[in-house]
């Protein structure tokens, strides 16, 4: 019940820690998150944007909804729509950003 004077005395003050050392774990976590999550996602977005811009007439594409279509018309560069044929005589308007893959690209014409 009684506390001896040795236990009642205040412990020695902790040494001062640099603010950089205190934030070092947060900085390391952010660096790890950048290289594992943010950077690969930006790379995928850049590749997807390049794929969408390279779509031309004759390509076969897959949309986010699962439709497979042959591109029959591409709007102007600022246009966000593509015309695709999903069956003989059935044409649909497709928003460029919903294209998830290009199955086959059109081959350049043979000049021989």
Protein backbone atom coordinates (compact mmCIF):
# COMPACT_ATOMS: atom_id res chain seq x y z
CA UNK A 1 0.00 0.00 0.00
CA UNK A 2 2.78 2.38 0.74
CA UNK A 3 4.90 3.45 -2.16
CA UNK A 4 8.55 3.68 -1.40
CA UNK A 5 10.30 6.93 -2.32
CA UNK A 6 12.33 5.17 -5.03
CA UNK A 7 9.17 4.21 -6.98
CA UNK A 8 7.48 7.53 -6.40
CA UNK A 9 10.22 9.56 -8.03
CA UNK A 10 9.69 10.62 -11.62
CA UNK A 11 11.54 8.66 -14.22
CA UNK A 12 14.25 10.36 -16.24
CA UNK A 13 13.05 12.47 -19.15
CA UNK A 14 13.04 10.70 -22.51
CA UNK A 15 15.56 12.02 -25.00
CA UNK A 16 14.15 14.45 -27.57
CA UNK A 17 13.24 12.71 -30.83
CA UNK A 18 13.60 14.46 -34.15
CA UNK A 19 10.31 15.18 -35.98
CA UNK A 20 11.77 13.48 -39.05
CA UNK A 21 12.20 10.24 -37.10
CA UNK A 22 8.61 10.46 -35.90
CA UNK A 23 7.26 10.82 -39.46
CA UNK A 24 9.64 8.30 -41.02
CA UNK A 25 7.15 5.36 -40.80
CA UNK A 26 4.46 7.43 -42.56
CA UNK A 27 6.91 8.49 -45.26
CA UNK A 28 7.97 4.87 -45.80
CA UNK A 29 4.35 3.71 -46.02
CA UNK A 30 3.59 6.38 -48.62
CA UNK A 31 6.65 5.42 -50.70
CA UNK A 32 5.67 1.76 -50.60
CA UNK A 33 2.04 2.59 -51.55
CA UNK A 34 3.29 4.74 -54.44
CA UNK A 35 5.40 1.98 -55.96
CA UNK A 36 2.92 -0.84 -55.32
CA UNK A 37 -0.41 0.85 -56.11
CA UNK A 38 -0.30 4.34 -57.57
CA UNK A 39 2.47 3.98 -60.16
CA UNK A 40 1.21 0.71 -61.74
CA UNK A 41 -2.33 2.13 -61.93
CA UNK A 42 -1.07 5.25 -63.71
CA UNK A 43 0.85 3.05 -66.15
CA UNK A 44 -2.28 0.98 -66.90
CA UNK A 45 -4.33 4.14 -67.43
CA UNK A 46 -1.72 5.49 -69.84
CA UNK A 47 -1.68 2.22 -71.82
CA UNK A 48 -5.51 2.14 -71.94
CA UNK A 49 -5.65 5.75 -73.17
CA UNK A 50 -3.11 4.95 -75.91
CA UNK A 51 -5.10 1.84 -76.92
CA UNK A 52 -8.34 3.84 -77.16
CA UNK A 53 -6.72 6.58 -79.24
CA UNK A 54 -5.25 3.98 -81.64
CA UNK A 55 -8.63 2.37 -82.49
CA UNK A 56 -9.40 2.58 -86.19
CA UNK A 57 -11.89 1.23 -88.67
CA UNK A 58 -11.76 -2.57 -89.01
CA UNK A 59 -10.51 -3.33 -85.48
CA UNK A 60 -12.40 -5.86 -83.34
CA UNK A 61 -13.05 -4.55 -79.85
CA UNK A 62 -14.54 -5.70 -76.55
CA UNK A 63 -16.61 -3.28 -74.47
CA UNK A 64 -16.97 -3.17 -70.69
CA UNK A 65 -20.44 -4.67 -71.12
CA UNK A 66 -19.00 -7.69 -72.93
CA UNK A 67 -20.04 -6.82 -76.47
CA UNK A 68 -17.64 -7.80 -79.22
CA UNK A 69 -17.89 -5.48 -82.18
CA UNK A 70 -16.10 -4.66 -85.40
CA UNK A 71 -15.38 -0.95 -85.69
CA UNK A 72 -17.13 0.48 -88.74
CA UNK A 73 -16.64 4.15 -88.02
CA UNK A 74 -14.54 6.33 -85.79
CA UNK A 75 -15.58 9.88 -85.00
CA UNK A 76 -13.24 12.84 -84.98
CA UNK A 77 -10.43 12.98 -82.41
CA UNK A 78 -12.55 15.05 -80.06
CA UNK A 79 -15.55 12.73 -80.52
CA UNK A 80 -16.18 10.22 -77.76
CA UNK A 81 -18.13 7.73 -79.89
CA UNK A 82 -17.29 4.79 -82.13
CA UNK A 83 -19.67 3.00 -84.45
CA UNK A 84 -19.43 -0.76 -84.16
CA UNK A 85 -21.16 -3.65 -85.89
CA UNK A 86 -22.14 -6.44 -83.48
CA UNK A 87 -24.00 -8.56 -86.07
CA UNK A 88 -24.67 -8.37 -89.78
CA UNK A 89 -26.50 -5.09 -90.30
CA UNK A 90 -26.69 -4.26 -86.57
CA UNK A 91 -24.68 -1.14 -85.76
CA UNK A 92 -24.32 0.44 -82.34
CA UNK A 93 -22.75 3.60 -80.98
CA UNK A 94 -20.02 2.82 -78.45
CA UNK A 95 -18.43 5.25 -76.02
CA UNK A 96 -14.65 5.12 -76.40
CA UNK A 97 -13.94 4.88 -72.68
CA UNK A 98 -15.96 1.64 -72.39
CA UNK A 99 -13.61 -0.23 -74.73
CA UNK A 100 -11.60 -2.66 -72.61
CA UNK A 101 -9.61 -4.54 -75.26
CA UNK A 102 -8.74 -4.60 -78.93
CA UNK A 103 -8.91 -8.22 -80.11
CA UNK A 104 -7.44 -7.85 -83.57
CA UNK A 105 -5.94 -4.89 -85.27
CA UNK A 106 -6.37 -4.20 -88.94
CA UNK A 107 -3.36 -5.13 -90.99
CA UNK A 108 -1.93 -2.47 -93.31
CA UNK A 109 -2.83 -2.92 -96.97
CA UNK A 110 -0.32 -4.88 -99.01
CA UNK A 111 1.16 -2.69 -101.75
CA UNK A 112 2.64 -5.54 -103.84
